PDB file of N, CA and C in Angstrom:
ATOM      1  N   MET A   1     -10.177 -35.117   8.930  1.00  0.00           N
ATOM      2  CA  MET A   1     -10.296 -34.003   7.973  1.00  0.00           C
ATOM      3  C   MET A   1      -9.826 -32.732   8.653  1.00  0.00           C
ATOM      4  N   ASP A   2      -9.023 -31.931   7.945  1.00  0.00           N
ATOM      5  CA  ASP A   2      -8.533 -30.662   8.471  1.00  0.00           C
ATOM      6  C   ASP A   2      -9.567 -29.562   8.252  1.00  0.00           C
ATOM      7  N   THR A   3     -10.053 -28.981   9.362  1.00  0.00           N
ATOM      8  CA  THR A   3     -11.079 -27.958   9.264  1.00  0.00           C
ATOM      9  C   THR A   3     -10.543 -26.562   9.458  1.00  0.00           C
ATOM     10  N   ASP A   4      -9.219 -26.395   9.599  1.00  0.00           N
ATOM     11  CA  ASP A   4      -8.615 -25.093   9.797  1.00  0.00           C
ATOM     12  C   ASP A   4      -8.464 -24.417   8.434  1.00  0.00           C
ATOM     13  N   THR A   5      -9.342 -23.476   8.126  1.00  0.00           N
ATOM     14  CA  THR A   5      -9.307 -22.796   6.852  1.00  0.00           C
ATOM     15  C   THR A   5      -8.247 -21.717   6.790  1.00  0.00           C
ATOM     16  N   THR A   6      -7.564 -21.414   7.849  1.00  0.00           N
ATOM     17  CA  THR A   6      -6.530 -20.380   7.845  1.00  0.00           C
ATOM     18  C   THR A   6      -5.156 -21.009   7.686  1.00  0.00           C
ATOM     19  N   ALA A   7      -5.021 -22.295   7.606  1.00  0.00           N
ATOM     20  CA  ALA A   7      -3.710 -22.946   7.507  1.00  0.00           C
ATOM     21  C   ALA A   7      -3.009 -22.456   6.244  1.00  0.00           C
ATOM     22  N   GLY A   8      -1.796 -22.002   6.383  1.00  0.00           N
ATOM     23  CA  GLY A   8      -1.016 -21.560   5.254  1.00  0.00           C
ATOM     24  C   GLY A   8      -1.291 -20.150   4.751  1.00  0.00           C
ATOM     25  N   LEU A   9      -2.234 -19.438   5.349  1.00  0.00           N
ATOM     26  CA  LEU A   9      -2.547 -18.075   4.937  1.00  0.00           C
ATOM     27  C   LEU A   9      -1.812 -17.082   5.805  1.00  0.00           C
ATOM     28  N   GLU A  10      -1.298 -16.048   5.139  1.00  0.00           N
ATOM     29  CA  GLU A  10      -0.629 -14.989   5.859  1.00  0.00           C
ATOM     30  C   GLU A  10      -1.666 -14.017   6.437  1.00  0.00           C
ATOM     31  N   THR A  11      -1.542 -13.646   7.689  1.00  0.00           N
ATOM     32  CA  THR A  11      -2.486 -12.721   8.284  1.00  0.00           C
ATOM     33  C   THR A  11      -2.096 -11.283   7.947  1.00  0.00           C
ATOM     34  N   THR A  12      -3.096 -10.437   7.857  1.00  0.00           N
ATOM     35  CA  THR A  12      -2.872  -9.012   7.540  1.00  0.00           C
ATOM     36  C   THR A  12      -2.891  -8.239   8.859  1.00  0.00           C
ATOM     37  N   PRO A  13      -1.806  -7.492   9.147  1.00  0.00           N
ATOM     38  CA  PRO A  13      -1.811  -6.686  10.377  1.00  0.00           C
ATOM     39  C   PRO A  13      -2.907  -5.632  10.317  1.00  0.00           C
ATOM     40  N   ILE A  14      -3.404  -5.261  11.465  1.00  0.00           N
ATOM     41  CA  ILE A  14      -4.552  -4.327  11.538  1.00  0.00           C
ATOM     42  C   ILE A  14      -4.208  -2.967  10.871  1.00  0.00           C
ATOM     43  N   TRP A  15      -2.975  -2.478  11.002  1.00  0.00           N
ATOM     44  CA  TRP A  15      -2.612  -1.191  10.370  1.00  0.00           C
ATOM     45  C   TRP A  15      -2.701  -1.300   8.845  1.00  0.00           C
ATOM     46  N   MET A  16      -2.326  -2.484   8.289  1.00  0.00           N
ATOM     47  CA  MET A  16      -2.374  -2.679   6.865  1.00  0.00           C
ATOM     48  C   MET A  16      -3.811  -2.793   6.380  1.00  0.00           C
ATOM     49  N   ALA A  17      -4.633  -3.490   7.147  1.00  0.00           N
ATOM     50  CA  ALA A  17      -6.055  -3.572   6.816  1.00  0.00           C
ATOM     51  C   ALA A  17      -6.690  -2.185   6.782  1.00  0.00           C
ATOM     52  N   ALA A  18      -6.324  -1.335   7.748  1.00  0.00           N
ATOM     53  CA  ALA A  18      -6.844   0.042   7.767  1.00  0.00           C
ATOM     54  C   ALA A  18      -6.373   0.845   6.534  1.00  0.00           C
ATOM     55  N   LEU A  19      -5.112   0.666   6.182  1.00  0.00           N
ATOM     56  CA  LEU A  19      -4.586   1.364   4.996  1.00  0.00           C
ATOM     57  C   LEU A  19      -5.322   0.885   3.727  1.00  0.00           C
ATOM     58  N   MET A  20      -5.535  -0.393   3.602  1.00  0.00           N
ATOM     59  CA  MET A  20      -6.200  -0.948   2.427  1.00  0.00           C
ATOM     60  C   MET A  20      -7.666  -0.528   2.363  1.00  0.00           C
ATOM     61  N   ALA A  21      -8.308  -0.296   3.520  1.00  0.00           N
ATOM     62  CA  ALA A  21      -9.700   0.151   3.548  1.00  0.00           C
ATOM     63  C   ALA A  21      -9.836   1.666   3.341  1.00  0.00           C
ATOM     64  N   ALA A  22      -8.736   2.394   3.378  1.00  0.00           N
ATOM     65  CA  ALA A  22      -8.776   3.890   3.351  1.00  0.00           C
ATOM     66  C   ALA A  22      -9.047   4.443   1.960  1.00  0.00           C
ATOM     67  N   LEU A  23      -9.121   3.637   0.946  1.00  0.00           N
ATOM     68  CA  LEU A  23      -9.371   4.079  -0.430  1.00  0.00           C
ATOM     69  C   LEU A  23      -8.323   5.108  -0.889  1.00  0.00           C
ATOM     70  N   CYS A  24      -7.074   4.666  -0.933  1.00  0.00           N
ATOM     71  CA  CYS A  24      -6.026   5.526  -1.492  1.00  0.00           C
ATOM     72  C   CYS A  24      -6.187   5.539  -2.984  1.00  0.00           C
ATOM     73  N   LEU A  25      -5.925   6.726  -3.601  1.00  0.00           N
ATOM     74  CA  LEU A  25      -6.048   6.879  -5.022  1.00  0.00           C
ATOM     75  C   LEU A  25      -4.734   7.337  -5.647  1.00  0.00           C
ATOM     76  N   ALA A  26      -4.448   6.764  -6.815  1.00  0.00           N
ATOM     77  CA  ALA A  26      -3.313   7.175  -7.625  1.00  0.00           C
ATOM     78  C   ALA A  26      -3.823   8.162  -8.624  1.00  0.00           C
ATOM     79  N   ASP A  27      -3.520   9.452  -8.457  1.00  0.00           N
ATOM     80  CA  ASP A  27      -4.016  10.493  -9.353  1.00  0.00           C
ATOM     81  C   ASP A  27      -3.014  10.803 -10.419  1.00  0.00           C
ATOM     82  N   ARG A  28      -3.431  10.541 -11.675  1.00  0.00           N
ATOM     83  CA  ARG A  28      -2.614  10.787 -12.827  1.00  0.00           C
ATOM     84  C   ARG A  28      -3.423  11.613 -13.818  1.00  0.00           C
ATOM     85  N   ASP A  29      -2.913  12.775 -14.122  1.00  0.00           N
ATOM     86  CA  ASP A  29      -3.602  13.684 -15.099  1.00  0.00           C
ATOM     87  C   ASP A  29      -5.023  13.991 -14.671  1.00  0.00           C
ATOM     88  N   GLY A  30      -5.251  14.147 -13.376  1.00  0.00           N
ATOM     89  CA  GLY A  30      -6.564  14.498 -12.882  1.00  0.00           C
ATOM     90  C   GLY A  30      -7.540  13.330 -12.766  1.00  0.00           C
ATOM     91  N   LYS A  31      -7.083  12.146 -13.112  1.00  0.00           N
ATOM     92  CA  LYS A  31      -7.929  10.913 -13.015  1.00  0.00           C
ATOM     93  C   LYS A  31      -7.380  10.020 -11.932  1.00  0.00           C
ATOM     94  N   GLY A  32      -8.250   9.655 -10.990  1.00  0.00           N
ATOM     95  CA  GLY A  32      -7.838   8.813  -9.865  1.00  0.00           C
ATOM     96  C   GLY A  32      -8.185   7.320 -10.116  1.00  0.00           C
ATOM     97  N   ALA A  33      -7.290   6.480  -9.733  1.00  0.00           N
ATOM     98  CA  ALA A  33      -7.525   5.038  -9.783  1.00  0.00           C
ATOM     99  C   ALA A  33      -7.188   4.461  -8.411  1.00  0.00           C
ATOM    100  N   ALA A  34      -7.947   3.490  -7.955  1.00  0.00           N
ATOM    101  CA  ALA A  34      -7.709   2.866  -6.662  1.00  0.00           C
ATOM    102  C   ALA A  34      -6.306   2.261  -6.602  1.00  0.00           C
ATOM    103  N   VAL A  35      -5.632   2.486  -5.487  1.00  0.00           N
ATOM    104  CA  VAL A  35      -4.333   1.853  -5.254  1.00  0.00           C
ATOM    105  C   VAL A  35      -4.573   0.448  -4.771  1.00  0.00           C
ATOM    106  N   ARG A  36      -3.917  -0.514  -5.394  1.00  0.00           N
ATOM    107  CA  ARG A  36      -4.015  -1.909  -4.992  1.00  0.00           C
ATOM    108  C   ARG A  36      -2.656  -2.275  -4.306  1.00  0.00           C
ATOM    109  N   TRP A  37      -2.783  -2.371  -2.991  1.00  0.00           N
ATOM    110  CA  TRP A  37      -1.595  -2.648  -2.156  1.00  0.00           C
ATOM    111  C   TRP A  37      -1.234  -4.139  -2.231  1.00  0.00           C
ATOM    112  N   ASN A  38       0.067  -4.416  -2.208  1.00  0.00           N
ATOM    113  CA  ASN A  38       0.575  -5.807  -2.110  1.00  0.00           C
ATOM    114  C   ASN A  38       1.262  -5.928  -0.767  1.00  0.00           C
ATOM    115  N   ASN A  39       0.918  -6.971  -0.043  1.00  0.00           N
ATOM    116  CA  ASN A  39       1.517  -7.274   1.264  1.00  0.00           C
ATOM    117  C   ASN A  39       2.741  -8.121   1.033  1.00  0.00           C
ATOM    118  N   VAL A  40       3.943  -7.498   1.242  1.00  0.00           N
ATOM    119  CA  VAL A  40       5.204  -8.201   1.023  1.00  0.00           C
ATOM    120  C   VAL A  40       6.092  -8.007   2.251  1.00  0.00           C
ATOM    121  N   SER A  41       6.358  -9.063   2.957  1.00  0.00           N
ATOM    122  CA  SER A  41       7.288  -9.042   4.091  1.00  0.00           C
ATOM    123  C   SER A  41       6.914  -7.934   5.117  1.00  0.00           C
ATOM    124  N   GLY A  42       5.620  -7.823   5.431  1.00  0.00           N
ATOM    125  CA  GLY A  42       5.192  -6.875   6.450  1.00  0.00           C
ATOM    126  C   GLY A  42       5.103  -5.421   5.982  1.00  0.00           C
ATOM    127  N   LYS A  43       5.201  -5.201   4.675  1.00  0.00           N
ATOM    128  CA  LYS A  43       5.080  -3.847   4.112  1.00  0.00           C
ATOM    129  C   LYS A  43       3.963  -3.862   3.060  1.00  0.00           C
ATOM    130  N   ALA A  44       3.299  -2.744   2.955  1.00  0.00           N
ATOM    131  CA  ALA A  44       2.319  -2.559   1.874  1.00  0.00           C
ATOM    132  C   ALA A  44       3.062  -1.873   0.723  1.00  0.00           C
ATOM    133  N   LEU A  45       3.048  -2.491  -0.441  1.00  0.00           N
ATOM    134  CA  LEU A  45       3.791  -1.943  -1.597  1.00  0.00           C
ATOM    135  C   LEU A  45       2.842  -1.582  -2.728  1.00  0.00           C
ATOM    136  N   TYR A  46       3.135  -0.458  -3.389  1.00  0.00           N
ATOM    137  CA  TYR A  46       2.439  -0.065  -4.622  1.00  0.00           C
ATOM    138  C   TYR A  46       3.492   0.477  -5.565  1.00  0.00           C
ATOM    139  N   THR A  47       3.458   0.006  -6.807  1.00  0.00           N
ATOM    140  CA  THR A  47       4.383   0.467  -7.833  1.00  0.00           C
ATOM    141  C   THR A  47       3.613   1.185  -8.934  1.00  0.00           C
ATOM    142  N   ASN A  48       4.104   2.360  -9.300  1.00  0.00           N
ATOM    143  CA  ASN A  48       3.529   3.077 -10.409  1.00  0.00           C
ATOM    144  C   ASN A  48       3.973   2.425 -11.693  1.00  0.00           C
ATOM    145  N   SER A  49       3.075   1.661 -12.284  1.00  0.00           N
ATOM    146  CA  SER A  49       3.406   0.960 -13.531  1.00  0.00           C
ATOM    147  C   SER A  49       2.983   1.732 -14.752  1.00  0.00           C
ATOM    148  N   GLY A  50       2.478   2.942 -14.549  1.00  0.00           N
ATOM    149  CA  GLY A  50       2.078   3.781 -15.699  1.00  0.00           C
ATOM    150  C   GLY A  50       3.286   4.486 -16.313  1.00  0.00           C
ATOM    151  N   SER A  51       3.001   5.226 -17.389  1.00  0.00           N
ATOM    152  CA  SER A  51       4.065   5.891 -18.098  1.00  0.00           C
ATOM    153  C   SER A  51       4.330   7.313 -17.583  1.00  0.00           C
ATOM    154  N   GLY A  52       3.425   7.788 -16.689  1.00  0.00           N
ATOM    155  CA  GLY A  52       3.586   9.152 -16.170  1.00  0.00           C
ATOM    156  C   GLY A  52       3.607   9.160 -14.656  1.00  0.00           C
ATOM    157  N   PRO A  53       3.837  10.332 -14.064  1.00  0.00           N
ATOM    158  CA  PRO A  53       3.852  10.470 -12.607  1.00  0.00           C
ATOM    159  C   PRO A  53       2.440  10.311 -12.002  1.00  0.00           C
ATOM    160  N   GLU A  54       2.434   9.916 -10.738  1.00  0.00           N
ATOM    161  CA  GLU A  54       1.206   9.784  -9.980  1.00  0.00           C
ATOM    162  C   GLU A  54       1.338  10.441  -8.622  1.00  0.00           C
ATOM    163  N   LEU A  55       0.230  10.953  -8.100  1.00  0.00           N
ATOM    164  CA  LEU A  55       0.191  11.447  -6.752  1.00  0.00           C
ATOM    165  C   LEU A  55      -0.678  10.528  -5.958  1.00  0.00           C
ATOM    166  N   ILE A  56      -0.174   9.915  -4.898  1.00  0.00           N
ATOM    167  CA  ILE A  56      -0.898   8.984  -4.080  1.00  0.00           C
ATOM    168  C   ILE A  56      -1.592   9.718  -2.983  1.00  0.00           C
ATOM    169  N   GLN A  57      -2.909   9.734  -3.011  1.00  0.00           N
ATOM    170  CA  GLN A  57      -3.713  10.467  -2.009  1.00  0.00           C
ATOM    171  C   GLN A  57      -4.474   9.489  -1.148  1.00  0.00           C
ATOM    172  N   PRO A  58      -4.677   9.739   0.101  1.00  0.00           N
ATOM    173  CA  PRO A  58      -4.430  10.982   0.828  1.00  0.00           C
ATOM    174  C   PRO A  58      -3.008  11.067   1.435  1.00  0.00           C
ATOM    175  N   LEU A  59      -2.101  10.200   0.998  1.00  0.00           N
ATOM    176  CA  LEU A  59      -0.753  10.193   1.610  1.00  0.00           C
ATOM    177  C   LEU A  59       0.107  11.337   1.095  1.00  0.00           C
ATOM    178  N   GLY A  60      -0.241  11.961  -0.035  1.00  0.00           N
ATOM    179  CA  GLY A  60       0.518  13.080  -0.550  1.00  0.00           C
ATOM    180  C   GLY A  60       1.888  12.706  -1.083  1.00  0.00           C
ATOM    181  N   VAL A  61       2.043  11.454  -1.597  1.00  0.00           N
ATOM    182  CA  VAL A  61       3.317  10.996  -2.067  1.00  0.00           C
ATOM    183  C   VAL A  61       3.322  10.995  -3.593  1.00  0.00           C
ATOM    184  N   PHE A  62       4.375  11.580  -4.197  1.00  0.00           N
ATOM    185  CA  PHE A  62       4.543  11.665  -5.637  1.00  0.00           C
ATOM    186  C   PHE A  62       5.416  10.507  -6.081  1.00  0.00           C
ATOM    187  N   LEU A  63       4.951   9.727  -7.070  1.00  0.00           N
ATOM    188  CA  LEU A  63       5.728   8.627  -7.640  1.00  0.00           C
ATOM    189  C   LEU A  63       5.949   8.833  -9.107  1.00  0.00           C
ATOM    190  N   ARG A  64       7.186   8.731  -9.574  1.00  0.00           N
ATOM    191  CA  ARG A  64       7.492   8.762 -10.982  1.00  0.00           C
ATOM    192  C   ARG A  64       7.235   7.345 -11.507  1.00  0.00           C
ATOM    193  N   SER A  65       7.133   7.216 -12.827  1.00  0.00           N
ATOM    194  CA  SER A  65       6.935   5.898 -13.452  1.00  0.00           C
ATOM    195  C   SER A  65       7.989   4.928 -12.972  1.00  0.00           C
ATOM    196  N   GLY A  66       7.567   3.726 -12.560  1.00  0.00           N
ATOM    197  CA  GLY A  66       8.519   2.711 -12.104  1.00  0.00           C
ATOM    198  C   GLY A  66       8.874   2.758 -10.619  1.00  0.00           C
ATOM    199  N   GLU A  67       8.542   3.860  -9.934  1.00  0.00           N
ATOM    200  CA  GLU A  67       8.867   3.965  -8.493  1.00  0.00           C
ATOM    201  C   GLU A  67       7.839   3.186  -7.670  1.00  0.00           C
ATOM    202  N   THR A  68       8.309   2.698  -6.517  1.00  0.00           N
ATOM    203  CA  THR A  68       7.465   1.935  -5.579  1.00  0.00           C
ATOM    204  C   THR A  68       7.374   2.693  -4.276  1.00  0.00           C
ATOM    205  N   LEU A  69       6.146   2.717  -3.737  1.00  0.00           N
ATOM    206  CA  LEU A  69       5.878   3.251  -2.417  1.00  0.00           C
ATOM    207  C   LEU A  69       5.782   2.067  -1.444  1.00  0.00           C
ATOM    208  N   ALA A  70       6.598   2.079  -0.423  1.00  0.00           N
ATOM    209  CA  ALA A  70       6.574   1.060   0.652  1.00  0.00           C
ATOM    210  C   ALA A  70       6.048   1.704   1.895  1.00  0.00           C
ATOM    211  N   VAL A  71       4.988   1.154   2.460  1.00  0.00           N
ATOM    212  CA  VAL A  71       4.378   1.675   3.675  1.00  0.00           C
ATOM    213  C   VAL A  71       4.522   0.616   4.754  1.00  0.00           C
ATOM    214  N   SER A  72       4.965   1.042   5.964  1.00  0.00           N
ATOM    215  CA  SER A  72       5.087   0.127   7.068  1.00  0.00           C
ATOM    216  C   SER A  72       4.692   0.859   8.367  1.00  0.00           C
ATOM    217  N   TRP A  73       4.597   0.071   9.431  1.00  0.00           N
ATOM    218  CA  TRP A  73       4.247   0.604  10.732  1.00  0.00           C
ATOM    219  C   TRP A  73       5.221   0.040  11.753  1.00  0.00           C
ATOM    220  N   ILE A  74       5.900   0.868  12.465  1.00  0.00           N
ATOM    221  CA  ILE A  74       6.833   0.470  13.507  1.00  0.00           C
ATOM    222  C   ILE A  74       6.066   0.522  14.818  1.00  0.00           C
ATOM    223  N   PRO A  75       6.004  -0.599  15.580  1.00  0.00           N
ATOM    224  CA  PRO A  75       5.278  -0.595  16.851  1.00  0.00           C
ATOM    225  C   PRO A  75       5.765   0.538  17.718  1.00  0.00           C
ATOM    226  N   GLY A  76       4.806   1.251  18.319  1.00  0.00           N
ATOM    227  CA  GLY A  76       5.086   2.403  19.164  1.00  0.00           C
ATOM    228  C   GLY A  76       5.035   3.710  18.442  1.00  0.00           C
ATOM    229  N   ASP A  77       5.128   3.695  17.098  1.00  0.00           N
ATOM    230  CA  ASP A  77       5.034   4.938  16.345  1.00  0.00           C
ATOM    231  C   ASP A  77       3.590   5.369  16.262  1.00  0.00           C
ATOM    232  N   THR A  78       3.363   6.624  15.893  1.00  0.00           N
ATOM    233  CA  THR A  78       2.014   7.166  15.775  1.00  0.00           C
ATOM    234  C   THR A  78       1.587   7.415  14.330  1.00  0.00           C
ATOM    235  N   SER A  79       2.437   7.035  13.381  1.00  0.00           N
ATOM    236  CA  SER A  79       2.051   7.210  11.969  1.00  0.00           C
ATOM    237  C   SER A  79       2.761   6.138  11.131  1.00  0.00           C
ATOM    238  N   TYR A  80       2.339   6.048   9.898  1.00  0.00           N
ATOM    239  CA  TYR A  80       2.973   5.139   8.936  1.00  0.00           C
ATOM    240  C   TYR A  80       4.367   5.652   8.602  1.00  0.00           C
ATOM    241  N   THR A  81       5.242   4.710   8.218  1.00  0.00           N
ATOM    242  CA  THR A  81       6.554   5.035   7.690  1.00  0.00           C
ATOM    243  C   THR A  81       6.420   4.852   6.160  1.00  0.00           C
ATOM    244  N   LEU A  82       6.779   5.890   5.405  1.00  0.00           N
ATOM    245  CA  LEU A  82       6.668   5.889   3.944  1.00  0.00           C
ATOM    246  C   LEU A  82       8.068   5.941   3.349  1.00  0.00           C
ATOM    247  N   GLU A  83       8.275   5.079   2.318  1.00  0.00           N
ATOM    248  CA  GLU A  83       9.565   5.050   1.653  1.00  0.00           C
ATOM    249  C   GLU A  83       9.313   4.909   0.137  1.00  0.00           C
ATOM    250  N   VAL A  84       9.937   5.762  -0.652  1.00  0.00           N
ATOM    251  CA  VAL A  84       9.881   5.658  -2.088  1.00  0.00           C
ATOM    252  C   VAL A  84      11.172   5.078  -2.563  1.00  0.00           C
ATOM    253  N   CYS A  85      11.046   4.004  -3.369  1.00  0.00           N
ATOM    254  CA  CYS A  85      12.235   3.342  -3.888  1.00  0.00           C
ATOM    255  C   CYS A  85      12.030   2.942  -5.311  1.00  0.00           C
TER     256      CYS A  85
END
């Protein structure tokens, strides 16, 4: 019997776990909703699926409807790399 419960599971890098635990909020019209990050190919992704703009806090990133925020960490850097696409 296979007792390895981690077989086939992707591990979450420590920087991404810290980002996910930081309680980032998508602020739209003065109302904040928790950002739900998706781990895709070593990046944390969030897409604004709403009809209006959002401000992602505490990162200070503005996303228009349909835009995606990609967050990554380059080893040796001292901060996250942020990309809006």
